[in-house]
Amino acid sequence: MVTFAIRLQEEAGLDVVRDGEWRRGHYINNFLSQIGGFETVRNFNH
């Protein structure tokens, strides 16, 4: 199944093969930007 998914991504011309999952940082940033009213005060690294 993984090989198939990678092949599909390569055939689609994607430069980076990925698993398709949103990481927490990407999800939260997108969520907060959609509802608005939040400001980044410092970077958070876990």
C-alpha atoms as a PDB file:
ATOM      1  CA  MET A   1       0.000   0.000   0.000  1.00  0.00           C
ATOM      2  CA  VAL A   2       2.833   2.414   0.817  1.00  0.00           C
ATOM      3  CA  THR A   3       4.540   1.733  -2.497  1.00  0.00           C
ATOM      4  CA  PHE A   4       1.281   2.439  -4.303  1.00  0.00           C
ATOM      5  CA  ALA A   5       0.796   5.741  -2.458  1.00  0.00           C
ATOM      6  CA  ILE A   6       4.352   6.840  -3.242  1.00  0.00           C
ATOM      7  CA  ARG A   7       3.899   5.957  -6.910  1.00  0.00           C
ATOM      8  CA  LEU A   8       0.706   8.035  -7.086  1.00  0.00           C
ATOM      9  CA  GLN A   9       2.502  11.026  -5.583  1.00  0.00           C
ATOM     10  CA  GLU A  10       5.419  10.665  -7.987  1.00  0.00           C
ATOM     11  CA  GLU A  11       3.080  10.381 -10.969  1.00  0.00           C
ATOM     12  CA  ALA A  12       1.267  13.514  -9.797  1.00  0.00           C
ATOM     13  CA  GLY A  13       4.596  15.350  -9.944  1.00  0.00           C
ATOM     14  CA  LEU A  14       4.961  16.030  -6.231  1.00  0.00           C
ATOM     15  CA  ASP A  15       8.483  17.075  -5.243  1.00  0.00           C
ATOM     16  CA  VAL A  16       8.228  15.691  -1.717  1.00  0.00           C
ATOM     17  CA  VAL A  17       6.668  12.356  -0.825  1.00  0.00           C
ATOM     18  CA  ARG A  18       4.677  12.604   2.389  1.00  0.00           C
ATOM     19  CA  ASP A  19       2.178  10.629   4.431  1.00  0.00           C
ATOM     20  CA  GLY A  20      -0.651  13.145   4.067  1.00  0.00           C
ATOM     21  CA  GLU A  21      -1.132  13.697   7.781  1.00  0.00           C
ATOM     22  CA  TRP A  22      -1.369  17.225   9.143  1.00  0.00           C
ATOM     23  CA  ARG A  23       1.081  17.791  11.938  1.00  0.00           C
ATOM     24  CA  ARG A  24      -0.147  19.517  15.068  1.00  0.00           C
ATOM     25  CA  GLY A  25       1.569  22.816  14.261  1.00  0.00           C
ATOM     26  CA  HIS A  26       0.110  22.984  10.771  1.00  0.00           C
ATOM     27  CA  TYR A  27      -3.365  22.070  11.982  1.00  0.00           C
ATOM     28  CA  ILE A  28      -3.381  24.597  14.825  1.00  0.00           C
ATOM     29  CA  ASN A  29      -1.965  27.419  12.688  1.00  0.00           C
ATOM     30  CA  ASN A  30      -4.578  26.843   9.988  1.00  0.00           C
ATOM     31  CA  PHE A  31      -7.382  26.524  12.529  1.00  0.00           C
ATOM     32  CA  LEU A  32      -6.438  29.730  14.347  1.00  0.00           C
ATOM     33  CA  SER A  33      -5.993  31.690  11.120  1.00  0.00           C
ATOM     34  CA  GLN A  34      -9.499  30.666  10.025  1.00  0.00           C
ATOM     35  CA  ILE A  35     -11.217  31.828  13.207  1.00  0.00           C
ATOM     36  CA  GLY A  36      -8.990  34.911  13.624  1.00  0.00           C
ATOM     37  CA  GLY A  37      -8.219  37.108  16.586  1.00  0.00           C
ATOM     38  CA  PHE A  38      -4.983  35.355  17.579  1.00  0.00           C
ATOM     39  CA  GLU A  39      -1.454  36.687  17.462  1.00  0.00           C
ATOM     40  CA  THR A  40       1.795  34.702  17.611  1.00  0.00           C
ATOM     41  CA  VAL A  41       3.847  35.936  20.557  1.00  0.00           C
ATOM     42  CA  ARG A  42       6.658  33.358  20.401  1.00  0.00           C
ATOM     43  CA  ASN A  43       7.553  30.190  18.522  1.00  0.00           C
ATOM     44  CA  PHE A  44       6.727  26.945  20.255  1.00  0.00           C
ATOM     45  CA  ASN A  45       8.912  23.886  19.796  1.00  0.00           C
ATOM     46  CA  HIS A  46       8.140  20.608  21.476  1.00  0.00           C
END
